């Protein structure tokens, strides 16, 4: 896992500890990467069983929390 991916995982983990979920736009803004790149990193974490994904009906977007 690259350093950026580790830092993003820590970001998702810290938000989860605070009972907050994370979206690709949060990662995009915080780390100044494209939304597509942020989404790909979050999907990779999902594939590696590091995070869980759920759909937020209110905001109509996918959200991630630490597993």
N, C-alpha and C. Protein backbone atom coordinates (compact mmCIF):
# COMPACT_ATOMS: atom_id res chain seq x y z
N UNK A 1 0.85 -1.18 0.00
CA UNK A 1 0.00 0.00 0.00
C UNK A 1 0.90 1.24 0.00
N UNK A 2 0.59 2.18 -0.87
CA UNK A 2 1.40 3.39 -0.95
C UNK A 2 1.15 4.28 0.26
N UNK A 3 2.05 5.23 0.45
CA UNK A 3 1.92 6.15 1.59
C UNK A 3 0.61 6.92 1.55
N UNK A 4 0.23 7.40 0.36
CA UNK A 4 -1.02 8.15 0.24
C UNK A 4 -2.21 7.28 0.64
N UNK A 5 -2.22 6.04 0.20
CA UNK A 5 -3.32 5.15 0.55
C UNK A 5 -3.37 4.88 2.04
N UNK A 6 -2.20 4.74 2.67
CA UNK A 6 -2.15 4.55 4.12
C UNK A 6 -2.71 5.77 4.84
N UNK A 7 -2.35 6.95 4.37
CA UNK A 7 -2.83 8.18 4.99
C UNK A 7 -4.33 8.32 4.81
N UNK A 8 -4.82 7.97 3.63
CA UNK A 8 -6.27 8.04 3.39
C UNK A 8 -7.00 7.03 4.27
N UNK A 9 -6.43 5.84 4.46
CA UNK A 9 -7.05 4.87 5.35
C UNK A 9 -7.09 5.40 6.79
N UNK A 10 -6.03 6.05 7.23
CA UNK A 10 -6.02 6.67 8.56
C UNK A 10 -7.10 7.74 8.66
N UNK A 11 -7.28 8.52 7.59
CA UNK A 11 -8.31 9.54 7.54
C UNK A 11 -9.70 8.92 7.69
N UNK A 12 -9.96 7.86 6.94
CA UNK A 12 -11.25 7.15 7.03
C UNK A 12 -11.42 6.57 8.44
N UNK A 13 -10.37 5.98 8.98
CA UNK A 13 -10.42 5.38 10.32
C UNK A 13 -10.72 6.43 11.38
N UNK A 14 -10.05 7.55 11.30
CA UNK A 14 -10.27 8.62 12.29
C UNK A 14 -11.68 9.17 12.20
N UNK A 15 -12.19 9.33 11.00
CA UNK A 15 -13.56 9.80 10.85
C UNK A 15 -14.55 8.76 11.41
N UNK A 16 -14.25 7.48 11.21
CA UNK A 16 -15.11 6.42 11.73
C UNK A 16 -15.13 6.44 13.26
N UNK A 17 -13.98 6.67 13.86
CA UNK A 17 -13.90 6.75 15.32
C UNK A 17 -14.80 7.86 15.84
N UNK A 18 -14.92 8.92 15.07
CA UNK A 18 -15.77 10.05 15.45
C UNK A 18 -17.22 9.87 14.97
N UNK A 19 -17.55 8.64 14.58
CA UNK A 19 -18.89 8.29 14.07
C UNK A 19 -19.27 9.09 12.83
N UNK A 20 -18.29 9.33 11.98
CA UNK A 20 -18.52 10.01 10.71
C UNK A 20 -18.10 9.09 9.58
N UNK A 21 -18.86 9.11 8.52
CA UNK A 21 -18.49 8.33 7.34
C UNK A 21 -17.71 9.21 6.38
N UNK A 22 -17.13 8.59 5.38
CA UNK A 22 -16.28 9.30 4.43
C UNK A 22 -16.77 9.04 3.01
N UNK A 23 -16.73 10.07 2.18
CA UNK A 23 -17.09 9.94 0.77
C UNK A 23 -15.88 10.27 -0.09
N UNK A 24 -15.98 9.97 -1.35
CA UNK A 24 -14.88 10.28 -2.26
C UNK A 24 -14.64 11.79 -2.32
N UNK A 25 -15.68 12.60 -2.17
CA UNK A 25 -15.47 14.05 -2.20
C UNK A 25 -14.70 14.54 -0.97
N UNK A 26 -14.90 13.88 0.18
CA UNK A 26 -14.09 14.24 1.37
C UNK A 26 -12.61 14.00 1.09
N UNK A 27 -12.31 12.84 0.51
CA UNK A 27 -10.93 12.48 0.20
C UNK A 27 -10.38 13.43 -0.88
N UNK A 28 -11.20 13.70 -1.88
CA UNK A 28 -10.82 14.61 -2.96
C UNK A 28 -10.40 15.97 -2.40
N UNK A 29 -11.22 16.54 -1.54
CA UNK A 29 -10.93 17.86 -0.97
C UNK A 29 -9.72 17.84 -0.04
N UNK A 30 -9.67 16.84 0.82
CA UNK A 30 -8.62 16.79 1.84
C UNK A 30 -7.24 16.54 1.24
N UNK A 31 -7.17 15.70 0.20
CA UNK A 31 -5.87 15.29 -0.34
C UNK A 31 -5.58 15.85 -1.73
N UNK A 32 -6.47 16.70 -2.22
CA UNK A 32 -6.28 17.36 -3.51
C UNK A 32 -5.98 16.37 -4.64
N UNK A 33 -6.82 15.33 -4.70
CA UNK A 33 -6.74 14.36 -5.79
C UNK A 33 -8.09 14.35 -6.49
N UNK A 34 -8.15 13.80 -7.67
CA UNK A 34 -9.42 13.78 -8.39
C UNK A 34 -10.43 12.88 -7.65
N UNK A 35 -11.69 13.17 -7.87
CA UNK A 35 -12.75 12.36 -7.25
C UNK A 35 -12.65 10.92 -7.75
N UNK A 36 -12.33 10.75 -9.03
CA UNK A 36 -12.19 9.39 -9.58
C UNK A 36 -11.07 8.63 -8.88
N UNK A 37 -9.95 9.29 -8.65
CA UNK A 37 -8.83 8.63 -7.95
C UNK A 37 -9.23 8.30 -6.52
N UNK A 38 -9.92 9.23 -5.87
CA UNK A 38 -10.38 8.98 -4.50
C UNK A 38 -11.32 7.79 -4.46
N UNK A 39 -12.25 7.73 -5.41
CA UNK A 39 -13.20 6.61 -5.47
C UNK A 39 -12.48 5.29 -5.71
N UNK A 40 -11.48 5.30 -6.58
CA UNK A 40 -10.72 4.08 -6.84
C UNK A 40 -9.97 3.59 -5.61
N UNK A 41 -9.42 4.51 -4.85
CA UNK A 41 -8.70 4.14 -3.62
C UNK A 41 -9.68 3.56 -2.61
N UNK A 42 -10.85 4.19 -2.46
CA UNK A 42 -11.85 3.68 -1.52
C UNK A 42 -12.37 2.31 -1.95
N UNK A 43 -12.56 2.12 -3.26
CA UNK A 43 -13.00 0.81 -3.76
C UNK A 43 -11.94 -0.26 -3.52
N UNK A 44 -10.67 0.10 -3.66
CA UNK A 44 -9.59 -0.84 -3.37
C UNK A 44 -9.60 -1.24 -1.91
N UNK A 45 -9.84 -0.28 -1.02
CA UNK A 45 -9.93 -0.58 0.41
C UNK A 45 -11.12 -1.49 0.69
N UNK A 46 -12.21 -1.29 -0.04
CA UNK A 46 -13.39 -2.14 0.10
C UNK A 46 -13.05 -3.56 -0.34
N UNK A 47 -12.37 -3.69 -1.46
CA UNK A 47 -11.97 -5.00 -1.98
C UNK A 47 -11.04 -5.72 -1.00
N UNK A 48 -10.18 -4.95 -0.34
CA UNK A 48 -9.23 -5.52 0.62
C UNK A 48 -9.84 -5.69 2.01
N UNK A 49 -11.17 -5.49 2.10
CA UNK A 49 -11.91 -5.71 3.35
C UNK A 49 -11.45 -4.79 4.48
N UNK A 50 -11.03 -3.58 4.13
CA UNK A 50 -10.57 -2.61 5.12
C UNK A 50 -11.69 -1.65 5.54
N UNK A 51 -12.65 -1.46 4.64
CA UNK A 51 -13.76 -0.55 4.89
C UNK A 51 -15.07 -1.21 4.48
N UNK A 52 -16.16 -0.63 4.97
CA UNK A 52 -17.50 -1.04 4.56
C UNK A 52 -18.12 0.10 3.78
N UNK A 53 -18.99 -0.23 2.85
CA UNK A 53 -19.64 0.77 2.01
C UNK A 53 -21.14 0.72 2.25
N UNK A 54 -21.76 1.90 2.29
CA UNK A 54 -23.22 1.96 2.36
C UNK A 54 -23.69 3.17 1.57
N UNK A 55 -24.93 3.13 1.16
CA UNK A 55 -25.50 4.21 0.37
C UNK A 55 -26.30 5.13 1.28
N UNK A 56 -26.00 6.42 1.25
CA UNK A 56 -26.69 7.43 2.05
C UNK A 56 -27.83 8.00 1.21
N UNK A 57 -29.06 7.65 1.57
CA UNK A 57 -30.24 8.10 0.82
C UNK A 57 -30.38 9.62 0.87
N UNK A 58 -30.10 10.22 2.02
CA UNK A 58 -30.27 11.66 2.18
C UNK A 58 -29.37 12.45 1.21
N UNK A 59 -28.11 12.07 1.15
CA UNK A 59 -27.16 12.77 0.29
C UNK A 59 -26.99 12.10 -1.08
N UNK A 60 -27.59 10.94 -1.24
CA UNK A 60 -27.56 10.16 -2.48
C UNK A 60 -26.12 9.93 -2.95
N UNK A 61 -25.33 9.34 -2.05
CA UNK A 61 -23.94 9.03 -2.38
C UNK A 61 -23.47 7.83 -1.56
N UNK A 62 -22.42 7.20 -2.06
CA UNK A 62 -21.80 6.10 -1.33
C UNK A 62 -20.91 6.67 -0.23
N UNK A 63 -20.94 6.00 0.91
CA UNK A 63 -20.13 6.41 2.05
C UNK A 63 -19.38 5.19 2.56
N UNK A 64 -18.26 5.47 3.21
CA UNK A 64 -17.38 4.39 3.69
C UNK A 64 -17.05 4.61 5.16
N UNK A 65 -16.95 3.50 5.88
CA UNK A 65 -16.51 3.52 7.27
C UNK A 65 -15.49 2.40 7.45
N UNK A 66 -14.68 2.53 8.48
CA UNK A 66 -13.69 1.50 8.78
C UNK A 66 -14.40 0.23 9.21
N UNK A 67 -13.90 -0.88 8.75
CA UNK A 67 -14.48 -2.18 9.09
C UNK A 67 -14.05 -2.61 10.46
